[in-house]
Amino acid sequence: MRLSRDQVEAMSQRIIRGLIKEEMIAMDRPEAAVDVLAEVFTKDLEAEDRLNDEVHELLKNYSDEISRGMINYQDLFRKVKTKLARDRKMVL
């Protein structure tokens, strides 16, 4: 995960506080909303991590071409990840 759990928690708190401050939402227990939002962010980041791992595994088949410079690893990684995400209806 690119963000630590503390960062996800802090981001969730800022979002909920900002929505309350702007009077876009009202609630008795904002900490519950923070927990739910943090869980949603965490699950989404974990799904992207799993996708990254899968792409790394798929690209192992092209290690010879990559090492010889025939294929740029980053470009291929990005293309494969984008296609898999689109096929799975994931938003990155």
C-alpha atoms as a PDB file:
ATOM      1  CA  MET A   1       0.000   0.000   0.000  1.00  0.00           C
ATOM      2  CA  ARG A   2       1.399   3.376  -0.953  1.00  0.00           C
ATOM      3  CA  LEU A   3      -0.188   5.098   2.038  1.00  0.00           C
ATOM      4  CA  SER A   4       0.235   4.049   5.643  1.00  0.00           C
ATOM      5  CA  ARG A   5      -2.812   3.289   7.751  1.00  0.00           C
ATOM      6  CA  ASP A   6      -2.142   6.516   9.674  1.00  0.00           C
ATOM      7  CA  GLN A   7      -2.154   8.498   6.428  1.00  0.00           C
ATOM      8  CA  VAL A   8      -5.414   6.884   5.340  1.00  0.00           C
ATOM      9  CA  GLU A   9      -6.950   7.667   8.736  1.00  0.00           C
ATOM     10  CA  ALA A  10      -5.766  11.296   8.620  1.00  0.00           C
ATOM     11  CA  MET A  11      -7.057  11.741   5.063  1.00  0.00           C
ATOM     12  CA  SER A  12     -10.427  10.258   6.031  1.00  0.00           C
ATOM     13  CA  GLN A  13     -10.685  12.586   9.032  1.00  0.00           C
ATOM     14  CA  ARG A  14      -9.903  15.630   6.884  1.00  0.00           C
ATOM     15  CA  ILE A  15     -12.516  14.669   4.316  1.00  0.00           C
ATOM     16  CA  ILE A  16     -15.265  14.082   6.878  1.00  0.00           C
ATOM     17  CA  ARG A  17     -14.384  17.236   8.838  1.00  0.00           C
ATOM     18  CA  GLY A  18     -14.353  19.258   5.620  1.00  0.00           C
ATOM     19  CA  LEU A  19     -17.769  17.935   4.579  1.00  0.00           C
ATOM     20  CA  ILE A  20     -19.183  18.749   8.014  1.00  0.00           C
ATOM     21  CA  LYS A  21     -17.600  22.208   8.020  1.00  0.00           C
ATOM     22  CA  GLU A  22     -19.032  22.978   4.575  1.00  0.00           C
ATOM     23  CA  GLU A  23     -22.389  21.715   5.844  1.00  0.00           C
ATOM     24  CA  MET A  24     -22.543  19.119   3.096  1.00  0.00           C
ATOM     25  CA  ILE A  25     -23.229  16.407   5.657  1.00  0.00           C
ATOM     26  CA  ALA A  26     -24.425  16.347   9.257  1.00  0.00           C
ATOM     27  CA  MET A  27     -23.956  13.500  11.677  1.00  0.00           C
ATOM     28  CA  ASP A  28     -23.929  12.672  15.346  1.00  0.00           C
ATOM     29  CA  ARG A  29     -20.917  10.351  15.202  1.00  0.00           C
ATOM     30  CA  PRO A  30     -18.400  11.561  12.612  1.00  0.00           C
ATOM     31  CA  GLU A  31     -15.798   9.098  13.922  1.00  0.00           C
ATOM     32  CA  ALA A  32     -17.944   6.240  12.599  1.00  0.00           C
ATOM     33  CA  ALA A  33     -17.942   7.828   9.133  1.00  0.00           C
ATOM     34  CA  VAL A  34     -14.167   8.272   9.364  1.00  0.00           C
ATOM     35  CA  ASP A  35     -13.781   4.565  10.133  1.00  0.00           C
ATOM     36  CA  VAL A  36     -15.992   3.547   7.204  1.00  0.00           C
ATOM     37  CA  LEU A  37     -14.226   5.886   4.791  1.00  0.00           C
ATOM     38  CA  ALA A  38     -10.797   4.683   5.943  1.00  0.00           C
ATOM     39  CA  GLU A  39     -11.908   1.080   5.400  1.00  0.00           C
ATOM     40  CA  VAL A  40     -13.109   1.885   1.872  1.00  0.00           C
ATOM     41  CA  PHE A  41      -9.809   3.596   1.022  1.00  0.00           C
ATOM     42  CA  THR A  42      -7.806   0.725   2.508  1.00  0.00           C
ATOM     43  CA  LYS A  43      -9.725  -1.939   0.575  1.00  0.00           C
ATOM     44  CA  ASP A  44      -9.295   0.022  -2.643  1.00  0.00           C
ATOM     45  CA  LEU A  45      -5.543   0.404  -2.088  1.00  0.00           C
ATOM     46  CA  GLU A  46      -5.228  -3.292  -1.258  1.00  0.00           C
ATOM     47  CA  ALA A  47      -7.086  -4.190  -4.474  1.00  0.00           C
ATOM     48  CA  GLU A  48      -4.627  -2.092  -6.450  1.00  0.00           C
ATOM     49  CA  ASP A  49      -1.718  -3.785  -4.659  1.00  0.00           C
ATOM     50  CA  ARG A  50      -3.104  -7.188  -5.651  1.00  0.00           C
ATOM     51  CA  LEU A  51      -3.458  -5.977  -9.240  1.00  0.00           C
ATOM     52  CA  ASN A  52       0.164  -4.762  -9.215  1.00  0.00           C
ATOM     53  CA  ASP A  53       1.328  -8.148  -7.931  1.00  0.00           C
ATOM     54  CA  GLU A  54      -0.612  -9.913 -10.664  1.00  0.00           C
ATOM     55  CA  VAL A  55       0.897  -7.686 -13.358  1.00  0.00           C
ATOM     56  CA  HIS A  56       4.416  -8.342 -11.980  1.00  0.00           C
ATOM     57  CA  GLU A  57       3.716 -12.094 -12.203  1.00  0.00           C
ATOM     58  CA  LEU A  58       2.438 -11.808 -15.774  1.00  0.00           C
ATOM     59  CA  LEU A  59       5.490  -9.806 -16.833  1.00  0.00           C
ATOM     60  CA  LYS A  60       7.894 -12.449 -15.554  1.00  0.00           C
ATOM     61  CA  ASN A  61       7.140 -14.234 -18.846  1.00  0.00           C
ATOM     62  CA  TYR A  62       8.826 -11.359 -20.676  1.00  0.00           C
ATOM     63  CA  SER A  63      11.935 -11.088 -18.510  1.00  0.00           C
ATOM     64  CA  ASP A  64      14.291 -12.028 -21.370  1.00  0.00           C
ATOM     65  CA  GLU A  65      12.911  -9.360 -23.700  1.00  0.00           C
ATOM     66  CA  ILE A  66      12.931  -6.790 -20.907  1.00  0.00           C
ATOM     67  CA  SER A  67      16.512  -7.555 -19.894  1.00  0.00           C
ATOM     68  CA  ARG A  68      17.662  -7.246 -23.521  1.00  0.00           C
ATOM     69  CA  GLY A  69      16.005  -3.850 -23.747  1.00  0.00           C
ATOM     70  CA  MET A  70      13.480  -4.981 -26.345  1.00  0.00           C
ATOM     71  CA  ILE A  71      10.576  -3.950 -24.116  1.00  0.00           C
ATOM     72  CA  ASN A  72      10.387  -1.105 -21.610  1.00  0.00           C
ATOM     73  CA  TYR A  73       9.200  -2.644 -18.328  1.00  0.00           C
ATOM     74  CA  GLN A  74       7.442   0.468 -17.019  1.00  0.00           C
ATOM     75  CA  ASP A  75       5.526   1.035 -20.255  1.00  0.00           C
ATOM     76  CA  LEU A  76       4.493  -2.606 -20.464  1.00  0.00           C
ATOM     77  CA  PHE A  77       3.542  -2.649 -16.770  1.00  0.00           C
ATOM     78  CA  ARG A  78       1.352   0.427 -17.187  1.00  0.00           C
ATOM     79  CA  LYS A  79      -0.350  -0.971 -20.299  1.00  0.00           C
ATOM     80  CA  VAL A  80      -1.063  -4.375 -18.757  1.00  0.00           C
ATOM     81  CA  LYS A  81      -2.290  -2.828 -15.511  1.00  0.00           C
ATOM     82  CA  THR A  82      -4.586  -0.424 -17.368  1.00  0.00           C
ATOM     83  CA  LYS A  83      -6.062  -3.249 -19.453  1.00  0.00           C
ATOM     84  CA  LEU A  84      -6.649  -5.526 -16.458  1.00  0.00           C
ATOM     85  CA  ALA A  85      -8.199  -2.670 -14.481  1.00  0.00           C
ATOM     86  CA  ARG A  86     -10.504  -1.794 -17.383  1.00  0.00           C
ATOM     87  CA  ASP A  87     -11.501  -5.453 -17.838  1.00  0.00           C
ATOM     88  CA  ARG A  88     -12.326  -5.674 -14.134  1.00  0.00           C
ATOM     89  CA  LYS A  89     -14.087  -2.299 -14.104  1.00  0.00           C
ATOM     90  CA  MET A  90     -11.620  -0.904 -11.573  1.00  0.00           C
ATOM     91  CA  VAL A  91     -10.997   2.806 -11.313  1.00  0.00           C
ATOM     92  CA  LEU A  92      -7.362   3.665 -10.684  1.00  0.00           C
END
